[in-house]
Amino acid sequence: MKILAIEKETLGAAGNAFAPHLRAEAFRALELYLDGVIRELYFRADQKAAVLILECESVGAAEKALATLPLVQRGLIAFDYIPLAPYPGFKRLLERE
C-alpha cells in the first residue's frame, strides 16, 4: 500500500532543538529508503516540511516505521498519514457505452 506522510512540527518544538539530530535523521531515512519503506522523499517548496511516499502494508506499519526517526522519537515532529489507492478513472475510458 502506498501511503503519503506529511510532516508537521509538534507544538513547542524549538528551532535549535533539531540541529543535533539532523545527521542521525538523514541516516535513518536512508536506511528506511534502502529497506524499501520510503519510496520518495521531498521537502515542500513553500515551507520546511518533509513529504514522503511510503510503501507499507498498512498505515499502522507506516507509523511504526517513521516512529524510528530520531526527530519523531524526540517529539519534535509528527506525521499525517494518508493511504493512497490507484486512480480508477482510466478504466472508464476502456468501458463500452
Protein backbone atom coordinates (compact mmCIF):
# COMPACT_ATOMS: atom_id res chain seq x y z
CA MET A 1 0.00 0.00 0.00
CA LYS A 2 1.26 3.46 -0.83
CA ILE A 3 0.97 6.00 1.95
CA LEU A 4 1.53 9.73 1.82
CA ALA A 5 3.16 11.02 5.03
CA ILE A 6 3.27 14.77 5.58
CA GLU A 7 5.49 16.13 8.34
CA LYS A 8 4.20 18.54 10.93
CA GLU A 9 6.21 20.13 13.71
CA THR A 10 4.92 19.45 17.17
CA LEU A 11 3.81 22.35 19.34
CA GLY A 12 6.62 23.89 21.32
CA ALA A 13 9.43 22.43 19.20
CA ALA A 14 12.24 24.99 19.27
CA GLY A 15 14.17 25.55 16.05
CA ASN A 16 17.53 24.93 17.69
CA ALA A 17 16.37 21.55 19.06
CA PHE A 18 16.54 19.99 15.58
CA ALA A 19 20.19 20.58 14.63
CA PRO A 20 21.87 17.99 16.89
CA HIS A 21 19.71 15.22 15.41
CA LEU A 22 19.65 16.03 11.68
CA ARG A 23 22.57 13.76 10.73
CA ALA A 24 21.03 10.79 12.58
CA GLU A 25 17.68 11.65 10.98
CA ALA A 26 19.22 11.53 7.50
CA PHE A 27 20.93 8.21 8.28
CA ARG A 28 17.69 6.63 9.47
CA ALA A 29 15.77 7.99 6.48
CA LEU A 30 18.41 6.43 4.21
CA GLU A 31 18.01 3.08 5.99
CA LEU A 32 14.24 3.21 5.51
CA TYR A 33 14.80 4.10 1.85
CA LEU A 34 17.18 1.19 1.33
CA ASP A 35 14.69 -1.11 3.09
CA GLY A 36 12.01 -0.07 0.57
CA VAL A 37 9.80 1.68 3.13
CA ILE A 38 10.47 5.21 1.92
CA ARG A 39 9.96 5.27 -1.84
CA GLU A 40 10.19 9.02 -2.37
CA LEU A 41 11.26 11.85 -0.08
CA TYR A 42 10.72 15.55 -0.70
CA PHE A 43 10.61 18.87 1.09
CA ARG A 44 7.73 21.21 0.43
CA ALA A 45 8.81 24.25 -1.59
CA ASP A 46 6.56 26.58 0.40
CA GLN A 47 7.61 25.59 3.94
CA LYS A 48 10.02 23.41 5.90
CA ALA A 49 8.16 20.13 5.95
CA ALA A 50 9.01 16.71 4.57
CA VAL A 51 6.62 14.82 2.32
CA LEU A 52 7.20 11.09 1.98
CA ILE A 53 5.72 8.39 -0.20
CA LEU A 54 5.90 5.12 1.73
CA GLU A 55 5.32 1.51 0.74
CA CYS A 56 3.89 -0.35 3.75
CA GLU A 57 1.28 -3.00 4.47
CA SER A 58 -0.84 -0.53 6.44
CA VAL A 59 -0.95 2.93 7.94
CA GLY A 60 -0.02 1.31 11.25
CA ALA A 61 3.12 -0.16 9.70
CA ALA A 62 3.99 3.26 8.28
CA GLU A 63 3.54 4.87 11.69
CA LYS A 64 5.74 2.22 13.27
CA ALA A 65 8.48 2.74 10.67
CA LEU A 66 8.54 6.53 10.96
CA ALA A 67 8.47 6.28 14.75
CA THR A 68 12.10 5.14 14.42
CA LEU A 69 13.18 8.54 13.07
CA PRO A 70 15.17 10.48 15.70
CA LEU A 71 13.08 13.65 15.31
CA VAL A 72 9.89 11.64 15.88
CA GLN A 73 11.42 9.82 18.84
CA ARG A 74 12.29 13.16 20.44
CA GLY A 75 8.81 14.54 19.86
CA LEU A 76 9.99 17.29 17.51
CA ILE A 77 7.92 16.21 14.51
CA ALA A 78 4.95 14.01 13.74
CA PHE A 79 3.28 12.95 10.51
CA ASP A 80 -0.18 12.96 9.00
CA TYR A 81 -0.76 9.71 7.13
CA ILE A 82 -2.92 9.40 4.04
CA PRO A 83 -3.46 5.94 2.49
CA LEU A 84 -3.49 6.06 -1.30
CA ALA A 85 -5.35 3.90 -3.82
CA PRO A 86 -4.89 3.68 -7.59
CA TYR A 87 -6.90 6.12 -9.68
CA PRO A 88 -9.89 4.18 -11.09
CA GLY A 89 -10.90 6.72 -13.75
CA PHE A 90 -8.87 5.32 -16.62
CA LYS A 91 -10.93 2.15 -16.52
CA ARG A 92 -13.93 4.18 -17.64
CA LEU A 93 -12.11 5.01 -20.85
CA LEU A 94 -11.99 1.33 -21.75
CA GLU A 95 -15.64 0.58 -20.96
CA ARG A 96 -18.11 0.46 -23.81
CA GLU A 97 -21.18 2.63 -23.54
